[in-house]
Structure formats: C-alpha cells, structure tokens
Amino acid sequence: MPTENEIRVMKLLTATDLSPSAAAEAIVEWGNEAVTVVCEAALGQYPGLRLKVRTNAAALLGWIDHPQATEAIDLLIQDSSPDLAVRAIRAAGRKKDDRFVSRLGEMLERPETTPILAAEAVRALVSIGSARAQSAVGNYEAANPRTVPHRASRAVADVLEKRSAR
C-alpha cells in the first residue's frame, strides 16, 4: 500500500500544469520522505513506473536543494537510459555543484559516450563554471576526435562555439 507521500509525489510527477520550482518547493515542504520518493522514482525503485515519470523525477532533482537529490543525480548521470542520463546531466548543471565535475569529465573521456550526452555534459560543465569545470571543458576542447569520436560531432561543436561566443 503506497504511503501518502508516495501518492502525492507521484501525482506531482505526472502533473502538467506545475512549474519545476513550484513542484520542488512542495516536495521539500513535505519533508525528507517526499525527497526520498522523488529520488527512488528517478532511480527506478518503483516497479512498473513509466519512463516519463522517471525522467520527470530526474529533471526535478536539479531543483531540489537536498543532499539526497545530489547523490541521486550523481548516480543517474551514468544511467544506461540516455533519457535519464540527459535529465541528470541537466540537473547537475542546474545545481552548479563542483562535485559533478569529475563524473562529467570522465564521461567526456569515454569514446563510447554519445554526442548528445557529450554535448549535455559540456553544457553542464559550462553552467557549473568552476575552475575545475572550465579545465575539464578546455581539456575536452583540445581532445583528439580520433580518441573521443563525439568530440567531432556537430552537437558538441555547437555547444563549444556558443561557449566561446560568451
């Protein structure tokens, strides 16, 4: 039998008329258990949960100021589902937390990373903006496309060009 918080959070994760900031505010107001439900939903701990609900939960983590949300984002950045990984990478950029720099930098070093995930990782690192994040982007910008093929993609080039134009 679902708890009251599970029911409330699941309703919120399927709502279409609520801004992310308002949803995050409500969840934080409901307390730690509600934050746990969002994290568990994003991580796929509820059997039968639709991917859309999981991606909504992952995206919402970027708006929730709570250590558990940060931990969940860190795990989801590496998720096998590109949809979830993209939402987690964007959440990391939204949080502007230097703790994500290593994980995002490692992602950019892997040749098997998809161009979309690489572009999102660069965007998140630019958003984080710390010296470590800037260094990771600089290292990636100098990377050989033969070693990391996604470096040569148009999606990545567009993000790097926009960064340089700032």
N, C-alpha and C. Protein backbone atom coordinates (compact mmCIF):
# COMPACT_ATOMS: atom_id res chain seq x y z
N MET A 1 0.85 -1.19 0.00
CA MET A 1 0.00 0.00 0.00
C MET A 1 0.89 1.25 0.00
N PRO A 2 0.72 2.13 -0.97
CA PRO A 2 1.55 3.34 -1.03
C PRO A 2 1.27 4.28 0.15
N THR A 3 2.32 4.98 0.54
CA THR A 3 2.18 5.97 1.60
C THR A 3 1.54 7.24 1.03
N GLU A 4 1.12 8.11 1.92
CA GLU A 4 0.53 9.39 1.49
C GLU A 4 1.54 10.19 0.66
N ASN A 5 2.80 10.22 1.13
CA ASN A 5 3.83 10.95 0.38
C ASN A 5 4.08 10.34 -0.99
N GLU A 6 4.07 9.03 -1.10
CA GLU A 6 4.27 8.39 -2.40
C GLU A 6 3.15 8.80 -3.36
N ILE A 7 1.94 8.80 -2.88
CA ILE A 7 0.79 9.18 -3.71
C ILE A 7 0.91 10.64 -4.14
N ARG A 8 1.21 11.53 -3.18
CA ARG A 8 1.32 12.96 -3.50
C ARG A 8 2.44 13.22 -4.50
N VAL A 9 3.59 12.60 -4.26
CA VAL A 9 4.74 12.84 -5.14
C VAL A 9 4.47 12.28 -6.54
N MET A 10 3.88 11.10 -6.63
CA MET A 10 3.59 10.52 -7.95
C MET A 10 2.58 11.38 -8.71
N LYS A 11 1.61 11.93 -8.03
CA LYS A 11 0.66 12.85 -8.68
C LYS A 11 1.40 14.07 -9.21
N LEU A 12 2.30 14.58 -8.39
CA LEU A 12 3.07 15.76 -8.78
C LEU A 12 3.97 15.45 -9.98
N LEU A 13 4.57 14.27 -10.01
CA LEU A 13 5.46 13.89 -11.11
C LEU A 13 4.72 13.68 -12.43
N THR A 14 3.42 13.50 -12.37
CA THR A 14 2.64 13.34 -13.59
C THR A 14 1.84 14.60 -13.94
N ALA A 15 1.92 15.62 -13.10
CA ALA A 15 1.19 16.87 -13.35
C ALA A 15 1.81 17.60 -14.54
N THR A 16 0.97 18.25 -15.31
CA THR A 16 1.46 19.01 -16.47
C THR A 16 1.32 20.51 -16.28
N ASP A 17 0.70 20.91 -15.20
CA ASP A 17 0.41 22.33 -15.01
C ASP A 17 1.21 22.96 -13.87
N LEU A 18 2.32 22.36 -13.49
CA LEU A 18 3.09 22.84 -12.35
C LEU A 18 4.53 23.11 -12.78
N SER A 19 5.06 24.26 -12.41
CA SER A 19 6.44 24.58 -12.76
C SER A 19 7.40 23.73 -11.92
N PRO A 20 8.60 23.49 -12.43
CA PRO A 20 9.56 22.70 -11.65
C PRO A 20 9.89 23.33 -10.30
N SER A 21 9.98 24.65 -10.26
CA SER A 21 10.31 25.30 -8.99
C SER A 21 9.19 25.12 -7.98
N ALA A 22 7.94 25.21 -8.42
CA ALA A 22 6.81 25.01 -7.52
C ALA A 22 6.74 23.56 -7.05
N ALA A 23 7.00 22.63 -7.96
CA ALA A 23 6.99 21.21 -7.59
C ALA A 23 8.09 20.91 -6.57
N ALA A 24 9.28 21.43 -6.81
CA ALA A 24 10.40 21.20 -5.89
C ALA A 24 10.10 21.80 -4.52
N GLU A 25 9.52 22.99 -4.53
CA GLU A 25 9.17 23.65 -3.27
C GLU A 25 8.18 22.80 -2.47
N ALA A 26 7.18 22.25 -3.15
CA ALA A 26 6.19 21.40 -2.48
C ALA A 26 6.85 20.16 -1.90
N ILE A 27 7.73 19.54 -2.66
CA ILE A 27 8.39 18.32 -2.20
C ILE A 27 9.25 18.59 -0.98
N VAL A 28 10.02 19.65 -1.02
CA VAL A 28 10.86 20.00 0.13
C VAL A 28 9.99 20.29 1.34
N GLU A 29 8.88 20.97 1.12
CA GLU A 29 7.93 21.27 2.21
C GLU A 29 7.37 19.99 2.83
N TRP A 30 7.15 18.96 2.01
CA TRP A 30 6.60 17.70 2.51
C TRP A 30 7.62 16.89 3.30
N GLY A 31 8.90 17.24 3.18
CA GLY A 31 9.92 16.62 4.03
C GLY A 31 10.79 15.58 3.34
N ASN A 32 11.68 15.01 4.16
CA ASN A 32 12.67 14.05 3.67
C ASN A 32 12.06 12.85 2.97
N GLU A 33 10.95 12.36 3.48
CA GLU A 33 10.32 11.18 2.86
C GLU A 33 9.90 11.49 1.43
N ALA A 34 9.39 12.68 1.19
CA ALA A 34 8.98 13.07 -0.16
C ALA A 34 10.19 13.18 -1.09
N VAL A 35 11.28 13.73 -0.57
CA VAL A 35 12.52 13.81 -1.36
C VAL A 35 12.99 12.40 -1.71
N THR A 36 12.91 11.50 -0.74
CA THR A 36 13.30 10.10 -0.97
C THR A 36 12.45 9.48 -2.08
N VAL A 37 11.16 9.76 -2.08
CA VAL A 37 10.27 9.21 -3.11
C VAL A 37 10.70 9.70 -4.49
N VAL A 38 11.02 10.98 -4.62
CA VAL A 38 11.46 11.52 -5.92
C VAL A 38 12.75 10.82 -6.36
N CYS A 39 13.69 10.70 -5.43
CA CYS A 39 14.96 10.05 -5.76
C CYS A 39 14.75 8.60 -6.17
N GLU A 40 13.94 7.89 -5.42
CA GLU A 40 13.66 6.48 -5.74
C GLU A 40 12.92 6.34 -7.06
N ALA A 41 12.02 7.27 -7.34
CA ALA A 41 11.31 7.23 -8.63
C ALA A 41 12.30 7.43 -9.78
N ALA A 42 13.17 8.41 -9.64
CA ALA A 42 14.17 8.67 -10.68
C ALA A 42 15.09 7.47 -10.88
N LEU A 43 15.44 6.82 -9.79
CA LEU A 43 16.36 5.68 -9.85
C LEU A 43 15.67 4.37 -10.25
N GLY A 44 14.36 4.41 -10.43
CA GLY A 44 13.63 3.24 -10.89
C GLY A 44 13.31 2.21 -9.82
N GLN A 45 13.15 2.66 -8.60
CA GLN A 45 12.90 1.75 -7.49
C GLN A 45 11.44 1.31 -7.37
N TYR A 46 10.57 1.91 -8.17
CA TYR A 46 9.15 1.54 -8.13
C TYR A 46 8.84 0.72 -9.38
N PRO A 47 8.54 -0.56 -9.22
CA PRO A 47 8.26 -1.42 -10.38
C PRO A 47 7.09 -0.88 -11.21
N GLY A 48 7.25 -0.95 -12.51
CA GLY A 48 6.17 -0.56 -13.41
C GLY A 48 6.06 0.93 -13.66
N LEU A 49 6.96 1.73 -13.10
CA LEU A 49 6.91 3.17 -13.29
C LEU A 49 7.29 3.52 -14.73
N ARG A 50 6.47 4.31 -15.37
CA ARG A 50 6.74 4.72 -16.76
C ARG A 50 8.02 5.55 -16.84
N LEU A 51 8.71 5.44 -17.97
CA LEU A 51 9.94 6.18 -18.19
C LEU A 51 9.70 7.69 -18.05
N LYS A 52 8.57 8.17 -18.52
CA LYS A 52 8.26 9.61 -18.44
C LYS A 52 8.24 10.09 -16.99
N VAL A 53 7.70 9.30 -16.10
CA VAL A 53 7.67 9.68 -14.68
C VAL A 53 9.09 9.69 -14.12
N ARG A 54 9.89 8.70 -14.52
CA ARG A 54 11.28 8.65 -14.07
C ARG A 54 12.07 9.86 -14.58
N THR A 55 11.87 10.22 -15.86
CA THR A 55 12.60 11.37 -16.39
C THR A 55 12.13 12.67 -15.74
N ASN A 56 10.84 12.78 -15.45
CA ASN A 56 10.34 13.95 -14.73
C ASN A 56 11.00 14.04 -13.35
N ALA A 57 11.10 12.91 -12.68
CA ALA A 57 11.73 12.89 -11.35
C ALA A 57 13.20 13.28 -11.45
N ALA A 58 13.90 12.74 -12.44
CA ALA A 58 15.32 13.05 -12.61
C ALA A 58 15.52 14.54 -12.89
N ALA A 59 14.68 15.11 -13.73
CA ALA A 59 14.78 16.53 -14.04
C ALA A 59 14.51 17.38 -12.80
N LEU A 60 13.54 16.96 -12.02
CA LEU A 60 13.15 17.71 -10.82
C LEU A 60 14.26 17.75 -9.77
N LEU A 61 15.13 16.75 -9.78
CA LEU A 61 16.21 16.70 -8.79
C LEU A 61 17.10 17.94 -8.85
N GLY A 62 17.23 18.53 -10.02
CA GLY A 62 18.04 19.74 -10.16
C GLY A 62 17.46 20.95 -9.44
N TRP A 63 16.20 20.89 -9.12
CA TRP A 63 15.52 21.99 -8.44
C TRP A 63 15.42 21.77 -6.93
N ILE A 64 15.77 20.57 -6.48
CA ILE A 64 15.62 20.23 -5.06
C ILE A 64 16.94 20.39 -4.34
N ASP A 65 16.96 21.28 -3.36
CA ASP A 65 18.17 21.53 -2.58
C ASP A 65 18.19 20.57 -1.39
N HIS A 66 18.75 19.39 -1.63
CA HIS A 66 18.81 18.36 -0.60
C HIS A 66 19.95 17.41 -0.96
N PRO A 67 20.74 16.98 0.03
CA PRO A 67 21.87 16.09 -0.25
C PRO A 67 21.47 14.80 -0.98
N GLN A 68 20.32 14.27 -0.67
CA GLN A 68 19.87 13.04 -1.31
C GLN A 68 19.62 13.26 -2.81
N ALA A 69 19.12 14.43 -3.17
CA ALA A 69 18.91 14.75 -4.58
C ALA A 69 20.25 14.81 -5.31
N THR A 70 21.25 15.40 -4.67
CA THR A 70 22.58 15.49 -5.26
C THR A 70 23.17 14.10 -5.49
N GLU A 71 23.01 13.22 -4.51
CA GLU A 71 23.51 11.84 -4.64
C GLU A 71 22.81 11.11 -5.78
N ALA A 72 21.51 11.30 -5.90
CA ALA A 72 20.76 10.63 -6.96
C ALA A 72 21.19 11.13 -8.34
N ILE A 73 21.42 12.42 -8.46
CA ILE A 73 21.89 12.98 -9.73
C ILE A 73 23.21 12.33 -10.12
N ASP A 74 24.11 12.23 -9.16
CA ASP A 74 25.43 11.65 -9.42
C ASP A 74 25.30 10.22 -9.96
N LEU A 75 24.38 9.45 -9.41
CA LEU A 75 24.15 8.08 -9.90
C LEU A 75 23.51 8.07 -11.28
N LEU A 76 22.55 8.96 -11.49
CA LEU A 76 21.79 8.97 -12.74
C LEU A 76 22.59 9.48 -13.94
N ILE A 77 23.63 10.25 -13.69
CA ILE A 77 24.47 10.73 -14.79
C ILE A 77 25.00 9.55 -15.61
N GLN A 78 25.20 8.42 -14.94
CA GLN A 78 25.74 7.23 -15.61
C GLN A 78 24.66 6.23 -16.01
N ASP A 79 23.40 6.60 -15.91
CA ASP A 79 22.33 5.65 -16.20
C ASP A 79 22.41 5.13 -17.63
N SER A 80 22.01 3.89 -17.81
CA SER A 80 22.06 3.28 -19.15
C SER A 80 21.00 3.86 -20.08
N SER A 81 19.98 4.49 -19.53
CA SER A 81 18.97 5.16 -20.35
C SER A 81 19.45 6.56 -20.70
N PRO A 82 19.67 6.86 -21.99
CA PRO A 82 20.10 8.20 -22.36
C PRO A 82 19.11 9.28 -21.91
N ASP A 83 17.82 8.97 -21.92
CA ASP A 83 16.82 9.95 -21.49
C ASP A 83 17.03 10.35 -20.03
N LEU A 84 17.29 9.37 -19.19
CA LEU A 84 17.53 9.66 -17.77
C LEU A 84 18.87 10.36 -17.58
N ALA A 85 19.89 9.89 -18.28
CA ALA A 85 21.22 10.50 -18.15
C ALA A 85 21.18 11.97 -18.56
N VAL A 86 20.49 12.28 -19.65
CA VAL A 86 20.39 13.68 -20.10
C VAL A 86 19.73 14.54 -19.02
N ARG A 87 18.62 14.06 -18.44
CA ARG A 87 17.94 14.83 -17.39
C ARG A 87 18.85 15.03 -16.18
N ALA A 88 19.62 13.99 -15.83
CA ALA A 88 20.52 14.09 -14.69
C ALA A 88 21.67 15.06 -14.97
N ILE A 89 22.20 15.02 -16.18
CA ILE A 89 23.28 15.94 -16.55
C ILE A 89 22.77 17.38 -16.49
N ARG A 90 21.58 17.60 -17.00
CA ARG A 90 20.99 18.95 -16.94
C ARG A 90 20.76 19.38 -15.50
N ALA A 91 20.32 18.43 -14.66
CA ALA A 91 20.12 18.73 -13.24
C ALA A 91 21.44 19.10 -12.59
N ALA A 92 22.51 18.41 -12.97
CA ALA A 92 23.85 18.72 -12.43
C ALA A 92 24.25 20.15 -12.81
N GLY A 93 24.01 20.52 -14.06
CA GLY A 93 24.32 21.88 -14.49
C GLY A 93 23.48 22.91 -13.76
N ARG A 94 22.23 22.58 -13.52
CA ARG A 94 21.34 23.49 -12.80
C ARG A 94 21.82 23.73 -11.37
N LYS A 95 22.31 22.67 -10.73
CA LYS A 95 22.79 22.79 -9.35
C LYS A 95 24.11 23.56 -9.25
N LYS A 96 24.88 23.58 -10.34
CA LYS A 96 26.16 24.28 -10.36
C LYS A 96 27.08 23.80 -9.23
N ASP A 97 27.08 22.51 -9.01
CA ASP A 97 27.83 21.89 -7.91
C ASP A 97 29.11 21.26 -8.45
N ASP A 98 30.23 21.67 -7.92
CA ASP A 98 31.54 21.20 -8.37
C ASP A 98 31.71 19.69 -8.18
N ARG A 99 30.90 19.08 -7.33
CA ARG A 99 31.02 17.63 -7.10
C ARG A 99 30.74 16.82 -8.37
N PHE A 100 30.06 17.40 -9.33
CA PHE A 100 29.72 16.66 -10.55
C PHE A 100 30.81 16.74 -11.62
N VAL A 101 31.79 17.59 -11.43
CA VAL A 101 32.80 17.82 -12.46
C VAL A 101 33.56 16.55 -12.82
N SER A 102 33.98 15.78 -11.83
CA SER A 102 34.74 14.56 -12.12
C SER A 102 33.93 13.59 -12.96
N ARG A 103 32.70 13.35 -12.56
CA ARG A 103 31.84 12.40 -13.28
C ARG A 103 31.59 12.88 -14.71
N LEU A 104 31.33 14.16 -14.89
CA LEU A 104 31.08 14.70 -16.23
C LEU A 104 32.35 14.66 -17.08
N GLY A 105 33.48 14.99 -16.46
CA GLY A 105 34.76 14.93 -17.17
C GLY A 105 35.09 13.52 -17.62
N GLU A 106 34.83 12.55 -16.75
CA GLU A 106 35.06 11.14 -17.10
C GLU A 106 34.19 10.73 -18.29
N MET A 107 32.97 11.23 -18.30
CA MET A 107 32.05 10.92 -19.40
C MET A 107 32.63 11.42 -20.73
N LEU A 108 33.23 12.60 -20.70
CA LEU A 108 33.79 13.18 -21.92
C LEU A 108 35.04 12.44 -22.39
N GLU A 109 35.69 11.73 -21.49
CA GLU A 109 36.90 10.97 -21.85
C GLU A 109 36.58 9.61 -22.47
N ARG A 110 35.35 9.14 -22.32
CA ARG A 110 34.98 7.81 -22.83
C ARG A 110 34.58 7.89 -24.31
N PRO A 111 35.23 7.11 -25.16
CA PRO A 111 34.90 7.14 -26.59
C PRO A 111 33.47 6.71 -26.90
N GLU A 112 32.88 5.87 -26.05
CA GLU A 112 31.53 5.36 -26.32
C GLU A 112 30.41 6.32 -25.92
N THR A 113 30.76 7.43 -25.28
CA THR A 113 29.74 8.43 -24.93
C THR A 113 29.10 8.96 -26.22
N THR A 114 27.78 9.06 -26.21
CA THR A 114 27.09 9.55 -27.41
C THR A 114 27.31 11.06 -27.56
N PRO A 115 27.23 11.57 -28.78
CA PRO A 115 27.39 13.01 -28.98
C PRO A 115 26.40 13.86 -28.17
N ILE A 116 25.17 13.38 -28.04
CA ILE A 116 24.17 14.15 -27.29
C ILE A 116 24.56 14.24 -25.82
N LEU A 117 24.97 13.11 -25.23
CA LEU A 117 25.40 13.13 -23.83
C LEU A 117 26.64 13.98 -23.65
N ALA A 118 27.57 13.91 -24.60
CA ALA A 118 28.78 14.74 -24.52
C ALA A 118 28.42 16.22 -24.58
N ALA A 119 27.54 16.59 -25.49
CA ALA A 119 27.12 18.00 -25.60
C ALA A 119 26.45 18.47 -24.31
N GLU A 120 25.60 17.63 -23.73
CA GLU A 120 24.94 17.99 -22.47
C GLU A 120 25.95 18.10 -21.34
N ALA A 121 26.95 17.22 -21.33
CA ALA A 121 27.99 17.27 -20.29
C ALA A 121 28.78 18.57 -20.39
N VAL A 122 29.13 18.97 -21.61
CA VAL A 122 29.85 20.24 -21.80
C VAL A 122 28.98 21.40 -21.33
N ARG A 123 27.71 21.38 -21.71
CA ARG A 123 26.77 22.44 -21.30
C ARG A 123 26.69 22.52 -19.77
N ALA A 124 26.63 21.37 -19.11
CA ALA A 124 26.55 21.34 -17.64
C ALA A 124 27.84 21.87 -17.02
N LEU A 125 28.98 21.48 -17.57
CA LEU A 125 30.26 21.97 -17.04
C LEU A 125 30.38 23.48 -17.21
N VAL A 126 29.94 23.99 -18.35
CA VAL A 126 29.95 25.45 -18.57
C VAL A 126 29.05 26.12 -17.54
N SER A 127 27.91 25.55 -17.27
CA SER A 127 26.98 26.10 -16.29
C SER A 127 27.57 26.06 -14.88
N ILE A 128 28.24 24.97 -14.54
CA ILE A 128 28.88 24.86 -13.22
C ILE A 128 29.91 25.97 -13.07
N GLY A 129 30.72 26.17 -14.08
CA GLY A 129 31.57 27.34 -14.17
C GLY A 129 32.78 27.42 -13.24
N SER A 130 33.02 26.44 -12.41
CA SER A 130 34.17 26.48 -11.51
C SER A 130 35.47 26.33 -12.30
N ALA A 131 36.59 26.58 -11.65
CA ALA A 131 37.89 26.42 -12.32
C ALA A 131 38.06 24.98 -12.80
N ARG A 132 37.66 24.01 -11.99
CA ARG A 132 37.76 22.59 -12.38
C ARG A 132 36.87 22.30 -13.59
N ALA A 133 35.67 22.87 -13.59
CA ALA A 133 34.75 22.65 -14.71
C ALA A 133 35.31 23.26 -15.99
N GLN A 134 35.84 24.47 -15.88
CA GLN A 134 36.43 25.13 -17.05
C GLN A 134 37.62 24.36 -17.58
N SER A 135 38.42 23.81 -16.66
CA SER A 135 39.57 23.00 -17.06
C SER A 135 39.11 21.73 -17.80
N ALA A 136 38.06 21.10 -17.30
CA ALA A 136 37.53 19.89 -17.95
C ALA A 136 37.05 20.21 -19.36
N VAL A 137 36.39 21.35 -19.53
CA VAL A 137 35.92 21.75 -20.87
C VAL A 137 37.12 22.05 -21.77
N GLY A 138 38.11 22.74 -21.22
CA GLY A 138 39.32 23.04 -22.00
C GLY A 138 40.04 21.78 -22.45
N ASN A 139 40.16 20.82 -21.55
CA ASN A 139 40.79 19.54 -21.90
C ASN A 139 40.00 18.83 -23.00
N TYR A 140 38.70 18.88 -22.88
CA TYR A 140 37.85 18.23 -23.88
C TYR A 140 37.96 18.94 -25.23
N GLU A 141 37.99 20.25 -25.17
CA GLU A 141 38.10 21.03 -26.41
C GLU A 141 39.39 20.68 -27.17
N ALA A 142 40.45 20.37 -26.42
CA ALA A 142 41.73 20.02 -27.02
C ALA A 142 41.84 18.53 -27.37
N ALA A 143 40.84 17.74 -27.02
CA ALA A 143 40.90 16.29 -27.23
C ALA A 143 40.90 15.94 -28.72
N ASN A 144 41.54 14.84 -29.03
CA ASN A 144 41.63 14.35 -30.40
C ASN A 144 40.35 13.59 -30.75
N PRO A 145 39.66 13.99 -31.80
CA PRO A 145 38.43 13.30 -32.21
C PRO A 145 38.65 11.82 -32.56
N ARG A 146 39.88 11.43 -32.87
CA ARG A 146 40.15 10.01 -33.13
C ARG A 146 40.08 9.21 -31.83
N THR A 147 40.40 9.85 -30.73
CA THR A 147 40.37 9.19 -29.42
C THR A 147 38.97 9.23 -28.83
N VAL A 148 38.32 10.37 -28.95
CA VAL A 148 36.94 10.53 -28.46
C VAL A 148 36.09 11.04 -29.63
N PRO A 149 35.50 10.12 -30.39
CA PRO A 149 34.79 10.48 -31.63
C PRO A 149 33.69 11.52 -31.46
N HIS A 150 33.04 11.54 -30.31
CA HIS A 150 31.96 12.51 -30.10
C HIS A 150 32.46 13.94 -30.13
N ARG A 151 33.77 14.13 -29.93
CA ARG A 151 34.35 15.48 -29.96
C ARG A 151 34.15 16.13 -31.33
N ALA A 152 34.07 15.32 -32.38
CA ALA A 152 33.91 15.84 -33.75
C ALA A 152 32.45 16.07 -34.15
N SER A 153 31.53 15.79 -33.25
CA SER A 153 30.11 15.89 -33.62
C SER A 153 29.65 17.35 -33.70
N ARG A 154 28.66 17.57 -34.52
CA ARG A 154 28.08 18.91 -34.68
C ARG A 154 27.43 19.39 -33.38
N ALA A 155 26.79 18.48 -32.64
CA ALA A 155 26.14 18.86 -31.38
C ALA A 155 27.15 19.42 -30.39
N VAL A 156 28.30 18.77 -30.28
CA VAL A 156 29.35 19.24 -29.37
C VAL A 156 29.95 20.54 -29.89
N ALA A 157 30.22 20.61 -31.19
CA ALA A 157 30.80 21.83 -31.77
C ALA A 157 29.91 23.04 -31.51
N ASP A 158 28.60 22.86 -31.65
CA ASP A 158 27.66 23.96 -31.40
C ASP A 158 27.76 24.47 -29.96
N VAL A 159 27.82 23.55 -29.01
CA VAL A 159 27.91 23.95 -27.59
C VAL A 159 29.22 24.67 -27.33
N LEU A 160 30.32 24.15 -27.88
CA LEU A 160 31.62 24.79 -27.67
C LEU A 160 31.68 26.16 -28.34
N GLU A 161 31.06 26.31 -29.51
CA GLU A 161 31.03 27.61 -30.18
C GLU A 161 30.23 28.63 -29.37
N LYS A 162 29.10 28.21 -28.84
CA LYS A 162 28.29 29.12 -28.01
C LYS A 162 29.06 29.54 -26.77
N ARG A 163 29.81 28.60 -26.20
CA ARG A 163 30.62 28.90 -25.01
C ARG A 163 31.67 29.95 -25.35
N SER A 164 32.32 29.81 -26.50
CA SER A 164 33.37 30.74 -26.91
C SER A 164 32.81 32.12 -27.23
N ALA A 165 31.56 32.17 -27.68
CA ALA A 165 30.93 33.44 -28.05
C ALA A 165 30.57 34.29 -26.84
N ARG A 166 30.55 33.69 -25.68
CA ARG A 166 30.17 34.43 -24.46
C ARG A 166 31.18 35.45 -24.07
